[in-house]
Amino acid sequence: MKVANKKCITNLSKKSLRANKTRNRMAVAAIILTTVLFTALFTVGGTMLYSFEQETMRQVGGDMHGTFKYVTKEQMYHCRNDWSA
């Protein structure tokens, strides 16, 4: 930002930072805690999704089992004939 009294604004901002040390430390602590919170939230969420996926695979038939959705009879016969060859 271009201002004519840049030195005065810099001086005021430095004095404000020095005068409010407790507030600044609390703000930094709040930022750190929020970062840790979101990191933990996304880690737990990702782990839960992976666990649900693994559970579903085990119910269907295992890790190496694949499924097809919305397959017509013609597509099913075509795939079955390709696999048997």
PDB file of N, CA and C in Angstrom:
ATOM      1  N   MET A   1       0.848  -1.165   0.000  1.00  0.00           N
ATOM      2  CA  MET A   1       0.000   0.000   0.000  1.00  0.00           C
ATOM      3  C   MET A   1       0.898   1.234   0.000  1.00  0.00           C
ATOM      4  N   LYS A   2       0.581   2.183  -0.821  1.00  0.00           N
ATOM      5  CA  LYS A   2       1.354   3.407  -0.944  1.00  0.00           C
ATOM      6  C   LYS A   2       0.734   4.498  -0.077  1.00  0.00           C
ATOM      7  N   VAL A   3       1.522   4.966   0.921  1.00  0.00           N
ATOM      8  CA  VAL A   3       1.090   6.070   1.771  1.00  0.00           C
ATOM      9  C   VAL A   3       2.264   7.028   1.954  1.00  0.00           C
ATOM     10  N   ALA A   4       1.927   8.257   2.262  1.00  0.00           N
ATOM     11  CA  ALA A   4       2.971   9.271   2.415  1.00  0.00           C
ATOM     12  C   ALA A   4       3.678   9.158   3.763  1.00  0.00           C
ATOM     13  N   ASN A   5       2.987   8.680   4.784  1.00  0.00           N
ATOM     14  CA  ASN A   5       3.571   8.616   6.125  1.00  0.00           C
ATOM     15  C   ASN A   5       3.827   7.162   6.541  1.00  0.00           C
ATOM     16  N   LYS A   6       4.572   6.437   5.714  1.00  0.00           N
ATOM     17  CA  LYS A   6       4.855   5.025   5.955  1.00  0.00           C
ATOM     18  C   LYS A   6       5.644   4.818   7.250  1.00  0.00           C
ATOM     19  N   LYS A   7       6.557   5.718   7.542  1.00  0.00           N
ATOM     20  CA  LYS A   7       7.374   5.601   8.743  1.00  0.00           C
ATOM     21  C   LYS A   7       6.518   5.697   9.999  1.00  0.00           C
ATOM     22  N   CYS A   8       5.540   6.583   9.993  1.00  0.00           N
ATOM     23  CA  CYS A   8       4.644   6.750  11.136  1.00  0.00           C
ATOM     24  C   CYS A   8       3.783   5.505  11.340  1.00  0.00           C
ATOM     25  N   ILE A   9       3.263   4.934  10.275  1.00  0.00           N
ATOM     26  CA  ILE A   9       2.438   3.730  10.370  1.00  0.00           C
ATOM     27  C   ILE A   9       3.268   2.550  10.867  1.00  0.00           C
ATOM     28  N   THR A  10       4.492   2.423  10.378  1.00  0.00           N
ATOM     29  CA  THR A  10       5.376   1.354  10.842  1.00  0.00           C
ATOM     30  C   THR A  10       5.659   1.502  12.326  1.00  0.00           C
ATOM     31  N   ASN A  11       5.917   2.713  12.759  1.00  0.00           N
ATOM     32  CA  ASN A  11       6.186   2.972  14.181  1.00  0.00           C
ATOM     33  C   ASN A  11       4.973   2.607  15.037  1.00  0.00           C
ATOM     34  N   LEU A  12       3.775   2.982  14.603  1.00  0.00           N
ATOM     35  CA  LEU A  12       2.565   2.660  15.351  1.00  0.00           C
ATOM     36  C   LEU A  12       2.322   1.152  15.423  1.00  0.00           C
ATOM     37  N   SER A  13       2.550   0.457  14.335  1.00  0.00           N
ATOM     38  CA  SER A  13       2.309  -0.988  14.340  1.00  0.00           C
ATOM     39  C   SER A  13       3.317  -1.716  15.237  1.00  0.00           C
ATOM     40  N   LYS A  14       4.573  -1.258  15.257  1.00  0.00           N
ATOM     41  CA  LYS A  14       5.569  -1.872  16.153  1.00  0.00           C
ATOM     42  C   LYS A  14       5.211  -1.645  17.608  1.00  0.00           C
ATOM     43  N   LYS A  15       4.753  -0.431  17.932  1.00  0.00           N
ATOM     44  CA  LYS A  15       4.349  -0.144  19.309  1.00  0.00           C
ATOM     45  C   LYS A  15       3.138  -0.981  19.712  1.00  0.00           C
ATOM     46  N   SER A  16       2.217  -1.173  18.784  1.00  0.00           N
ATOM     47  CA  SER A  16       1.034  -1.984  19.083  1.00  0.00           C
ATOM     48  C   SER A  16       1.419  -3.439  19.344  1.00  0.00           C
ATOM     49  N   LEU A  17       2.347  -3.965  18.555  1.00  0.00           N
ATOM     50  CA  LEU A  17       2.798  -5.343  18.767  1.00  0.00           C
ATOM     51  C   LEU A  17       3.520  -5.496  20.103  1.00  0.00           C
ATOM     52  N   ARG A  18       4.332  -4.517  20.459  1.00  0.00           N
ATOM     53  CA  ARG A  18       5.055  -4.584  21.737  1.00  0.00           C
ATOM     54  C   ARG A  18       4.114  -4.441  22.924  1.00  0.00           C
ATOM     55  N   ALA A  19       3.076  -3.642  22.804  1.00  0.00           N
ATOM     56  CA  ALA A  19       2.167  -3.378  23.913  1.00  0.00           C
ATOM     57  C   ALA A  19       1.225  -4.556  24.188  1.00  0.00           C
ATOM     58  N   ASN A  20       0.922  -5.349  23.168  1.00  0.00           N
ATOM     59  CA  ASN A  20      -0.060  -6.421  23.312  1.00  0.00           C
ATOM     60  C   ASN A  20       0.593  -7.797  23.182  1.00  0.00           C
ATOM     61  N   LYS A  21       1.615  -8.062  23.972  1.00  0.00           N
ATOM     62  CA  LYS A  21       2.327  -9.333  23.870  1.00  0.00           C
ATOM     63  C   LYS A  21       1.440 -10.511  24.243  1.00  0.00           C
ATOM     64  N   THR A  22       0.632 -10.352  25.276  1.00  0.00           N
ATOM     65  CA  THR A  22      -0.231 -11.453  25.711  1.00  0.00           C
ATOM     66  C   THR A  22      -1.262 -11.792  24.639  1.00  0.00           C
ATOM     67  N   ARG A  23      -1.863 -10.760  24.058  1.00  0.00           N
ATOM     68  CA  ARG A  23      -2.857 -10.988  23.007  1.00  0.00           C
ATOM     69  C   ARG A  23      -2.212 -11.672  21.799  1.00  0.00           C
ATOM     70  N   ASN A  24      -1.012 -11.259  21.448  1.00  0.00           N
ATOM     71  CA  ASN A  24      -0.322 -11.861  20.308  1.00  0.00           C
ATOM     72  C   ASN A  24       0.005 -13.329  20.580  1.00  0.00           C
ATOM     73  N   ARG A  25       0.453 -13.643  21.791  1.00  0.00           N
ATOM     74  CA  ARG A  25       0.756 -15.032  22.133  1.00  0.00           C
ATOM     75  C   ARG A  25      -0.509 -15.882  22.103  1.00  0.00           C
ATOM     76  N   MET A  26      -1.610 -15.333  22.608  1.00  0.00           N
ATOM     77  CA  MET A  26      -2.872 -16.068  22.584  1.00  0.00           C
ATOM     78  C   MET A  26      -3.346 -16.301  21.150  1.00  0.00           C
ATOM     79  N   ALA A  27      -3.158 -15.325  20.293  1.00  0.00           N
ATOM     80  CA  ALA A  27      -3.548 -15.484  18.890  1.00  0.00           C
ATOM     81  C   ALA A  27      -2.720 -16.567  18.216  1.00  0.00           C
ATOM     82  N   VAL A  28      -1.418 -16.590  18.481  1.00  0.00           N
ATOM     83  CA  VAL A  28      -0.555 -17.620  17.911  1.00  0.00           C
ATOM     84  C   VAL A  28      -0.946 -18.991  18.449  1.00  0.00           C
ATOM     85  N   ALA A  29      -1.230 -19.081  19.748  1.00  0.00           N
ATOM     86  CA  ALA A  29      -1.654 -20.352  20.336  1.00  0.00           C
ATOM     87  C   ALA A  29      -2.979 -20.817  19.722  1.00  0.00           C
ATOM     88  N   ALA A  30      -3.898 -19.899  19.496  1.00  0.00           N
ATOM     89  CA  ALA A  30      -5.178 -20.256  18.894  1.00  0.00           C
ATOM     90  C   ALA A  30      -4.997 -20.763  17.467  1.00  0.00           C
ATOM     91  N   ILE A  31      -4.106 -20.144  16.723  1.00  0.00           N
ATOM     92  CA  ILE A  31      -3.833 -20.584  15.353  1.00  0.00           C
ATOM     93  C   ILE A  31      -3.223 -21.977  15.358  1.00  0.00           C
ATOM     94  N   ILE A  32      -2.275 -22.220  16.263  1.00  0.00           N
ATOM     95  CA  ILE A  32      -1.637 -23.538  16.350  1.00  0.00           C
ATOM     96  C   ILE A  32      -2.655 -24.603  16.737  1.00  0.00           C
ATOM     97  N   LEU A  33      -3.490 -24.322  17.739  1.00  0.00           N
ATOM     98  CA  LEU A  33      -4.493 -25.294  18.166  1.00  0.00           C
ATOM     99  C   LEU A  33      -5.520 -25.577  17.069  1.00  0.00           C
ATOM    100  N   THR A  34      -5.903 -24.557  16.325  1.00  0.00           N
ATOM    101  CA  THR A  34      -6.838 -24.758  15.219  1.00  0.00           C
ATOM    102  C   THR A  34      -6.219 -25.626  14.132  1.00  0.00           C
ATOM    103  N   THR A  35      -4.951 -25.404  13.848  1.00  0.00           N
ATOM    104  CA  THR A  35      -4.253 -26.220  12.856  1.00  0.00           C
ATOM    105  C   THR A  35      -4.195 -27.676  13.295  1.00  0.00           C
ATOM    106  N   VAL A  36      -3.869 -27.905  14.559  1.00  0.00           N
ATOM    107  CA  VAL A  36      -3.821 -29.272  15.079  1.00  0.00           C
ATOM    108  C   VAL A  36      -5.202 -29.914  15.033  1.00  0.00           C
ATOM    109  N   LEU A  37      -6.232 -29.148  15.365  1.00  0.00           N
ATOM    110  CA  LEU A  37      -7.597 -29.659  15.341  1.00  0.00           C
ATOM    111  C   LEU A  37      -7.986 -30.128  13.950  1.00  0.00           C
ATOM    112  N   PHE A  38      -7.764 -29.298  12.943  1.00  0.00           N
ATOM    113  CA  PHE A  38      -8.142 -29.675  11.588  1.00  0.00           C
ATOM    114  C   PHE A  38      -7.304 -30.832  11.071  1.00  0.00           C
ATOM    115  N   THR A  39      -6.024 -30.872  11.418  1.00  0.00           N
ATOM    116  CA  THR A  39      -5.179 -31.997  11.012  1.00  0.00           C
ATOM    117  C   THR A  39      -5.702 -33.291  11.609  1.00  0.00           C
ATOM    118  N   ALA A  40      -6.036 -33.269  12.889  1.00  0.00           N
ATOM    119  CA  ALA A  40      -6.572 -34.466  13.543  1.00  0.00           C
ATOM    120  C   ALA A  40      -7.916 -34.855  12.942  1.00  0.00           C
ATOM    121  N   LEU A  41      -8.759 -33.876  12.663  1.00  0.00           N
ATOM    122  CA  LEU A  41     -10.072 -34.152  12.101  1.00  0.00           C
ATOM    123  C   LEU A  41      -9.970 -34.839  10.751  1.00  0.00           C
ATOM    124  N   PHE A  42      -9.121 -34.323   9.866  1.00  0.00           N
ATOM    125  CA  PHE A  42      -8.970 -34.930   8.547  1.00  0.00           C
ATOM    126  C   PHE A  42      -8.291 -36.290   8.630  1.00  0.00           C
ATOM    127  N   THR A  43      -7.369 -36.466   9.558  1.00  0.00           N
ATOM    128  CA  THR A  43      -6.722 -37.766   9.720  1.00  0.00           C
ATOM    129  C   THR A  43      -7.724 -38.808  10.193  1.00  0.00           C
ATOM    130  N   VAL A  44      -8.509 -38.473  11.192  1.00  0.00           N
ATOM    131  CA  VAL A  44      -9.516 -39.416  11.704  1.00  0.00           C
ATOM    132  C   VAL A  44     -10.564 -39.697  10.633  1.00  0.00           C
ATOM    133  N   GLY A  45     -11.003 -38.674   9.928  1.00  0.00           N
ATOM    134  CA  GLY A  45     -11.999 -38.871   8.861  1.00  0.00           C
ATOM    135  C   GLY A  45     -11.480 -39.774   7.754  1.00  0.00           C
ATOM    136  N   GLY A  46     -10.241 -39.556   7.327  1.00  0.00           N
ATOM    137  CA  GLY A  46      -9.656 -40.406   6.290  1.00  0.00           C
ATOM    138  C   GLY A  46      -9.494 -41.842   6.743  1.00  0.00           C
ATOM    139  N   THR A  47      -9.096 -42.033   7.995  1.00  0.00           N
ATOM    140  CA  THR A  47      -8.945 -43.377   8.539  1.00  0.00           C
ATOM    141  C   THR A  47     -10.294 -44.078   8.633  1.00  0.00           C
ATOM    142  N   MET A  48     -11.333 -43.344   9.019  1.00  0.00           N
ATOM    143  CA  MET A  48     -12.669 -43.948   9.092  1.00  0.00           C
ATOM    144  C   MET A  48     -13.158 -44.368   7.707  1.00  0.00           C
ATOM    145  N   LEU A  49     -12.945 -43.537   6.701  1.00  0.00           N
ATOM    146  CA  LEU A  49     -13.355 -43.904   5.342  1.00  0.00           C
ATOM    147  C   LEU A  49     -12.624 -45.156   4.876  1.00  0.00           C
ATOM    148  N   TYR A  50     -11.331 -45.228   5.154  1.00  0.00           N
ATOM    149  CA  TYR A  50     -10.551 -46.409   4.772  1.00  0.00           C
ATOM    150  C   TYR A  50     -11.068 -47.649   5.496  1.00  0.00           C
ATOM    151  N   SER A  51     -11.398 -47.522   6.777  1.00  0.00           N
ATOM    152  CA  SER A  51     -11.902 -48.650   7.551  1.00  0.00           C
ATOM    153  C   SER A  51     -13.253 -49.121   7.017  1.00  0.00           C
ATOM    154  N   PHE A  52     -14.146 -48.190   6.686  1.00  0.00           N
ATOM    155  CA  PHE A  52     -15.439 -48.573   6.121  1.00  0.00           C
ATOM    156  C   PHE A  52     -15.256 -49.287   4.784  1.00  0.00           C
ATOM    157  N   GLU A  53     -14.328 -48.813   3.970  1.00  0.00           N
ATOM    158  CA  GLU A  53     -14.066 -49.443   2.681  1.00  0.00           C
ATOM    159  C   GLU A  53     -13.547 -50.864   2.873  1.00  0.00           C
ATOM    160  N   GLN A  54     -12.620 -51.042   3.810  1.00  0.00           N
ATOM    161  CA  GLN A  54     -12.083 -52.378   4.084  1.00  0.00           C
ATOM    162  C   GLN A  54     -13.169 -53.316   4.613  1.00  0.00           C
ATOM    163  N   GLU A  55     -14.025 -52.802   5.486  1.00  0.00           N
ATOM    164  CA  GLU A  55     -15.114 -53.608   6.038  1.00  0.00           C
ATOM    165  C   GLU A  55     -16.067 -54.051   4.936  1.00  0.00           C
ATOM    166  N   THR A  56     -16.391 -53.148   4.023  1.00  0.00           N
ATOM    167  CA  THR A  56     -17.282 -53.494   2.916  1.00  0.00           C
ATOM    168  C   THR A  56     -16.639 -54.538   2.013  1.00  0.00           C
ATOM    169  N   MET A  57     -15.355 -54.407   1.752  1.00  0.00           N
ATOM    170  CA  MET A  57     -14.658 -55.387   0.912  1.00  0.00           C
ATOM    171  C   MET A  57     -14.675 -56.766   1.555  1.00  0.00           C
ATOM    172  N   ARG A  58     -14.496 -56.819   2.854  1.00  0.00           N
ATOM    173  CA  ARG A  58     -14.498 -58.112   3.540  1.00  0.00           C
ATOM    174  C   ARG A  58     -15.886 -58.740   3.511  1.00  0.00           C
ATOM    175  N   GLN A  59     -16.928 -57.912   3.599  1.00  0.00           N
ATOM    176  CA  GLN A  59     -18.288 -58.442   3.540  1.00  0.00           C
ATOM    177  C   GLN A  59     -18.609 -58.991   2.157  1.00  0.00           C
ATOM    178  N   VAL A  60     -18.076 -58.334   1.123  1.00  0.00           N
ATOM    179  CA  VAL A  60     -18.366 -58.750  -0.247  1.00  0.00           C
ATOM    180  C   VAL A  60     -17.549 -59.972  -0.631  1.00  0.00           C
ATOM    181  N   GLY A  61     -16.309 -60.051  -0.177  1.00  0.00           N
ATOM    182  CA  GLY A  61     -15.539 -61.232  -0.557  1.00  0.00           C
ATOM    183  C   GLY A  61     -14.050 -61.091  -0.436  1.00  0.00           C
ATOM    184  N   GLY A  62     -13.537 -60.019   0.089  1.00  0.00           N
ATOM    185  CA  GLY A  62     -12.108 -59.901   0.289  1.00  0.00           C
ATOM    186  C   GLY A  62     -11.500 -58.719  -0.429  1.00  0.00           C
ATOM    187  N   ASP A  63     -10.202 -58.545  -0.249  1.00  0.00           N
ATOM    188  CA  ASP A  63      -9.503 -57.405  -0.843  1.00  0.00           C
ATOM    189  C   ASP A  63      -9.363 -57.528  -2.356  1.00  0.00           C
ATOM    190  N   MET A  64      -9.288 -58.756  -2.860  1.00  0.00           N
ATOM    191  CA  MET A  64      -9.045 -58.948  -4.290  1.00  0.00           C
ATOM    192  C   MET A  64     -10.336 -59.106  -5.090  1.00  0.00           C
ATOM    193  N   HIS A  65     -11.462 -58.864  -4.473  1.00  0.00           N
ATOM    194  CA  HIS A  65     -12.754 -59.046  -5.120  1.00  0.00           C
ATOM    195  C   HIS A  65     -13.201 -57.730  -5.745  1.00  0.00           C
ATOM    196  N   GLY A  66     -13.617 -57.765  -6.976  1.00  0.00           N
ATOM    197  CA  GLY A  66     -14.115 -56.573  -7.653  1.00  0.00           C
ATOM    198  C   GLY A  66     -15.584 -56.717  -7.981  1.00  0.00           C
ATOM    199  N   THR A  67     -16.276 -55.619  -8.081  1.00  0.00           N
ATOM    200  CA  THR A  67     -17.697 -55.652  -8.416  1.00  0.00           C
ATOM    201  C   THR A  67     -17.969 -54.702  -9.569  1.00  0.00           C
ATOM    202  N   PHE A  68     -19.040 -54.988 -10.282  1.00  0.00           N
ATOM    203  CA  PHE A  68     -19.516 -54.126 -11.356  1.00  0.00           C
ATOM    204  C   PHE A  68     -20.921 -53.677 -11.000  1.00  0.00           C
ATOM    205  N   LYS A  69     -21.219 -52.417 -11.227  1.00  0.00           N
ATOM    206  CA  LYS A  69     -22.548 -51.885 -10.965  1.00  0.00           C
ATOM    207  C   LYS A  69     -23.192 -51.497 -12.287  1.00  0.00           C
ATOM    208  N   TYR A  70     -24.487 -51.680 -12.342  1.00  0.00           N
ATOM    209  CA  TYR A  70     -25.285 -51.257 -13.489  1.00  0.00           C
ATOM    210  C   TYR A  70     -24.794 -51.887 -14.794  1.00  0.00           C
ATOM    211  N   VAL A  71     -24.633 -53.200 -14.790  1.00  0.00           N
ATOM    212  CA  VAL A  71     -24.156 -53.924 -15.964  1.00  0.00           C
ATOM    213  C   VAL A  71     -25.354 -54.596 -16.624  1.00  0.00           C
ATOM    214  N   THR A  72     -25.431 -54.463 -17.948  1.00  0.00           N
ATOM    215  CA  THR A  72     -26.506 -55.141 -18.673  1.00  0.00           C
ATOM    216  C   THR A  72     -26.132 -56.601 -18.869  1.00  0.00           C
ATOM    217  N   LYS A  73     -27.110 -57.408 -19.281  1.00  0.00           N
ATOM    218  CA  LYS A  73     -26.846 -58.834 -19.502  1.00  0.00           C
ATOM    219  C   LYS A  73     -25.843 -59.035 -20.634  1.00  0.00           C
ATOM    220  N   GLU A  74     -25.949 -58.211 -21.671  1.00  0.00           N
ATOM    221  CA  GLU A  74     -25.012 -58.339 -22.788  1.00  0.00           C
ATOM    222  C   GLU A  74     -23.581 -58.050 -22.336  1.00  0.00           C
ATOM    223  N   GLN A  75     -23.416 -57.004 -21.522  1.00  0.00           N
ATOM    224  CA  GLN A  75     -22.079 -56.696 -21.011  1.00  0.00           C
ATOM    225  C   GLN A  75     -21.573 -57.801 -20.105  1.00  0.00           C
ATOM    226  N   MET A  76     -22.466 -58.396 -19.306  1.00  0.00           N
ATOM    227  CA  MET A  76     -22.064 -59.474 -18.413  1.00  0.00           C
ATOM    228  C   MET A  76     -21.597 -60.684 -19.215  1.00  0.00           C
ATOM    229  N   TYR A  77     -22.342 -61.070 -20.254  1.00  0.00           N
ATOM    230  CA  TYR A  77     -21.943 -62.207 -21.083  1.00  0.00           C
ATOM    231  C   TYR A  77     -20.634 -61.923 -21.812  1.00  0.00           C
ATOM    232  N   HIS A  78     -20.469 -60.675 -22.261  1.00  0.00           N
ATOM    233  CA  HIS A  78     -19.236 -60.300 -22.957  1.00  0.00           C
ATOM    234  C   HIS A  78     -18.028 -60.427 -22.017  1.00  0.00           C
ATOM    235  N   CYS A  79     -18.155 -59.927 -20.795  1.00  0.00           N
ATOM    236  CA  CYS A  79     -17.052 -60.016 -19.835  1.00  0.00           C
ATOM    237  C   CYS A  79     -16.783 -61.464 -19.448  1.00  0.00           C
ATOM    238  N   ARG A  80     -17.831 -62.245 -19.263  1.00  0.00           N
ATOM    239  CA  ARG A  80     -17.648 -63.633 -18.862  1.00  0.00           C
ATOM    240  C   ARG A  80     -16.955 -64.421 -19.971  1.00  0.00           C
ATOM    241  N   ASN A  81     -17.305 -64.155 -21.226  1.00  0.00           N
ATOM    242  CA  ASN A  81     -16.656 -64.851 -22.340  1.00  0.00           C
ATOM    243  C   ASN A  81     -15.200 -64.425 -22.482  1.00  0.00           C
ATOM    244  N   ASP A  82     -14.897 -63.150 -22.220  1.00  0.00           N
ATOM    245  CA  ASP A  82     -13.498 -62.684 -22.313  1.00  0.00           C
ATOM    246  C   ASP A  82     -12.653 -63.314 -21.227  1.00  0.00           C
ATOM    247  N   TRP A  83     -13.195 -63.493 -20.045  1.00  0.00           N
ATOM    248  CA  TRP A  83     -12.409 -64.047 -18.949  1.00  0.00           C
ATOM    249  C   TRP A  83     -12.155 -65.548 -19.106  1.00  0.00           C
ATOM    250  N   SER A  84     -13.100 -66.218 -19.710  1.00  0.00           N
ATOM    251  CA  SER A  84     -12.945 -67.673 -19.832  1.00  0.00           C
ATOM    252  C   SER A  84     -11.974 -68.044 -20.941  1.00  0.00           C
ATOM    253  N   ALA A  85     -11.648 -67.115 -21.851  1.00  0.00           N
ATOM    254  CA  ALA A  85     -10.765 -67.425 -22.970  1.00  0.00           C
ATOM    255  C   ALA A  85      -9.329 -67.504 -22.600  1.00  0.00           C
TER     256      ALA A  85
END
